Amino acid sequence: MKKIIEVLCDAIRAGIDHVAIDVDEPEKAGGEVFITLTRGAKLVVVQWSSDQRFGISDGLKSGFGVEAPDLVIEGIPEAVGEIARILDDE
């Protein structure tokens, strides 16, 4: 069975064109995973943890090192939709 991060990355690749994906795995089992997505000058950071699910931040508006994501989303289709919205936003 695929890990949820692999499923999310596969869905992003299938649903969003020309996006670079960098996955930062946790140092210890059960830790948070950070996924950095870039397309051109756009940047989205996805934070995943089993208790919080998908935390999504517009990296250009939020910056790095923020304590909380802009939005928390439960499901993969919704997460991909929000990521696409941020990357497509002018």
C-alpha atoms as a PDB file:
ATOM      1  CA  MET A   1       0.000   0.000   0.000  1.00  0.00           C
ATOM      2  CA  LYS A   2       1.316   3.435  -0.919  1.00  0.00           C
ATOM      3  CA  LYS A   3       2.065   5.971   1.749  1.00  0.00           C
ATOM      4  CA  ILE A   4      -0.334   8.895   1.771  1.00  0.00           C
ATOM      5  CA  ILE A   5       2.476  11.262   0.723  1.00  0.00           C
ATOM      6  CA  GLU A   6       3.152   9.163  -2.376  1.00  0.00           C
ATOM      7  CA  VAL A   7      -0.568   9.195  -3.205  1.00  0.00           C
ATOM      8  CA  LEU A   8      -0.692  12.980  -2.795  1.00  0.00           C
ATOM      9  CA  CYS A   9       2.405  13.499  -4.980  1.00  0.00           C
ATOM     10  CA  ASP A  10       0.987  11.196  -7.675  1.00  0.00           C
ATOM     11  CA  ALA A  11      -2.296  13.161  -7.618  1.00  0.00           C
ATOM     12  CA  ILE A  12      -0.404  16.458  -7.870  1.00  0.00           C
ATOM     13  CA  ARG A  13       1.612  15.197 -10.857  1.00  0.00           C
ATOM     14  CA  ALA A  14      -1.569  13.949 -12.549  1.00  0.00           C
ATOM     15  CA  GLY A  15      -3.590  17.107 -11.895  1.00  0.00           C
ATOM     16  CA  ILE A  16      -1.107  19.989 -12.082  1.00  0.00           C
ATOM     17  CA  ASP A  17       1.203  20.653 -15.014  1.00  0.00           C
ATOM     18  CA  HIS A  18       4.827  21.761 -14.716  1.00  0.00           C
ATOM     19  CA  VAL A  19       5.168  21.537 -10.945  1.00  0.00           C
ATOM     20  CA  ALA A  20       8.396  20.605  -9.165  1.00  0.00           C
ATOM     21  CA  ILE A  21       7.930  18.532  -6.016  1.00  0.00           C
ATOM     22  CA  ASP A  22      10.451  18.219  -3.180  1.00  0.00           C
ATOM     23  CA  VAL A  23       9.565  15.960  -0.239  1.00  0.00           C
ATOM     24  CA  ASP A  24      11.311  16.460   3.090  1.00  0.00           C
ATOM     25  CA  GLU A  25      10.758  13.298   5.137  1.00  0.00           C
ATOM     26  CA  PRO A  26      10.730  13.507   8.947  1.00  0.00           C
ATOM     27  CA  GLU A  27      13.819  12.629  10.956  1.00  0.00           C
ATOM     28  CA  LYS A  28      11.807  10.293  13.177  1.00  0.00           C
ATOM     29  CA  ALA A  29       8.910   7.982  12.402  1.00  0.00           C
ATOM     30  CA  GLY A  30       5.543   9.678  12.778  1.00  0.00           C
ATOM     31  CA  GLY A  31       6.975  13.172  12.353  1.00  0.00           C
ATOM     32  CA  GLU A  32       5.710  15.849  10.013  1.00  0.00           C
ATOM     33  CA  VAL A  33       6.415  15.690   6.296  1.00  0.00           C
ATOM     34  CA  PHE A  34       6.974  18.900   4.345  1.00  0.00           C
ATOM     35  CA  ILE A  35       6.376  19.049   0.597  1.00  0.00           C
ATOM     36  CA  THR A  36       7.613  22.081  -1.309  1.00  0.00           C
ATOM     37  CA  LEU A  37       5.918  22.673  -4.660  1.00  0.00           C
ATOM     38  CA  THR A  38       7.182  25.197  -7.165  1.00  0.00           C
ATOM     39  CA  ARG A  39       6.059  26.312 -10.578  1.00  0.00           C
ATOM     40  CA  GLY A  40       7.794  29.337 -12.012  1.00  0.00           C
ATOM     41  CA  ALA A  41       7.849  31.976  -9.284  1.00  0.00           C
ATOM     42  CA  LYS A  42       4.996  30.320  -7.338  1.00  0.00           C
ATOM     43  CA  LEU A  43       5.648  28.371  -4.144  1.00  0.00           C
ATOM     44  CA  VAL A  44       3.326  26.181  -2.059  1.00  0.00           C
ATOM     45  CA  VAL A  45       4.292  24.348   1.120  1.00  0.00           C
ATOM     46  CA  VAL A  46       2.285  21.327   2.260  1.00  0.00           C
ATOM     47  CA  GLN A  47       2.756  20.087   5.800  1.00  0.00           C
ATOM     48  CA  TRP A  48       1.390  16.637   6.590  1.00  0.00           C
ATOM     49  CA  SER A  49       0.928  14.992   9.936  1.00  0.00           C
ATOM     50  CA  SER A  50      -1.367  12.179  10.928  1.00  0.00           C
ATOM     51  CA  ASP A  51      -3.240  14.343  13.434  1.00  0.00           C
ATOM     52  CA  GLN A  52      -3.471  17.532  11.340  1.00  0.00           C
ATOM     53  CA  ARG A  53      -3.753  16.072   7.809  1.00  0.00           C
ATOM     54  CA  PHE A  54      -2.708  18.500   5.033  1.00  0.00           C
ATOM     55  CA  GLY A  55      -1.663  21.994   6.049  1.00  0.00           C
ATOM     56  CA  ILE A  56      -1.299  24.183   2.964  1.00  0.00           C
ATOM     57  CA  SER A  57       0.476  27.533   2.784  1.00  0.00           C
ATOM     58  CA  ASP A  58       1.152  29.960  -0.018  1.00  0.00           C
ATOM     59  CA  GLY A  59       4.907  30.158   0.472  1.00  0.00           C
ATOM     60  CA  LEU A  60       5.190  33.594  -1.075  1.00  0.00           C
ATOM     61  CA  LYS A  61       2.563  35.099   1.224  1.00  0.00           C
ATOM     62  CA  SER A  62       3.291  33.122   4.390  1.00  0.00           C
ATOM     63  CA  GLY A  63       7.060  32.772   4.181  1.00  0.00           C
ATOM     64  CA  PHE A  64       9.029  29.958   5.716  1.00  0.00           C
ATOM     65  CA  GLY A  65       9.097  29.170   9.390  1.00  0.00           C
ATOM     66  CA  VAL A  66       5.476  30.034  10.114  1.00  0.00           C
ATOM     67  CA  GLU A  67       3.968  28.056  12.951  1.00  0.00           C
ATOM     68  CA  ALA A  68       0.623  27.257  11.373  1.00  0.00           C
ATOM     69  CA  PRO A  69      -0.468  26.621   7.789  1.00  0.00           C
ATOM     70  CA  ASP A  70      -2.857  28.969   5.984  1.00  0.00           C
ATOM     71  CA  LEU A  71      -5.427  26.192   5.563  1.00  0.00           C
ATOM     72  CA  VAL A  72      -5.925  22.626   6.830  1.00  0.00           C
ATOM     73  CA  ILE A  73      -7.575  20.152   4.464  1.00  0.00           C
ATOM     74  CA  GLU A  74      -8.625  16.544   5.063  1.00  0.00           C
ATOM     75  CA  GLY A  75      -8.678  14.939   1.626  1.00  0.00           C
ATOM     76  CA  ILE A  76      -6.272  14.541  -1.259  1.00  0.00           C
ATOM     77  CA  PRO A  77      -8.620  15.834  -4.005  1.00  0.00           C
ATOM     78  CA  GLU A  78      -9.329  18.965  -1.964  1.00  0.00           C
ATOM     79  CA  ALA A  79      -5.618  19.457  -1.246  1.00  0.00           C
ATOM     80  CA  VAL A  80      -4.720  19.154  -4.940  1.00  0.00           C
ATOM     81  CA  GLY A  81      -7.472  21.640  -5.810  1.00  0.00           C
ATOM     82  CA  GLU A  82      -6.173  24.198  -3.300  1.00  0.00           C
ATOM     83  CA  ILE A  83      -2.571  23.712  -4.453  1.00  0.00           C
ATOM     84  CA  ALA A  84      -3.652  24.250  -8.065  1.00  0.00           C
ATOM     85  CA  ARG A  85      -5.608  27.366  -7.066  1.00  0.00           C
ATOM     86  CA  ILE A  86      -2.551  28.896  -5.379  1.00  0.00           C
ATOM     87  CA  LEU A  87      -0.214  27.999  -8.247  1.00  0.00           C
ATOM     88  CA  ASP A  88      -2.673  29.368 -10.837  1.00  0.00           C
ATOM     89  CA  ASP A  89      -3.446  32.553  -8.885  1.00  0.00           C
ATOM     90  CA  GLU A  90      -2.196  35.677 -10.609  1.00  0.00           C
END
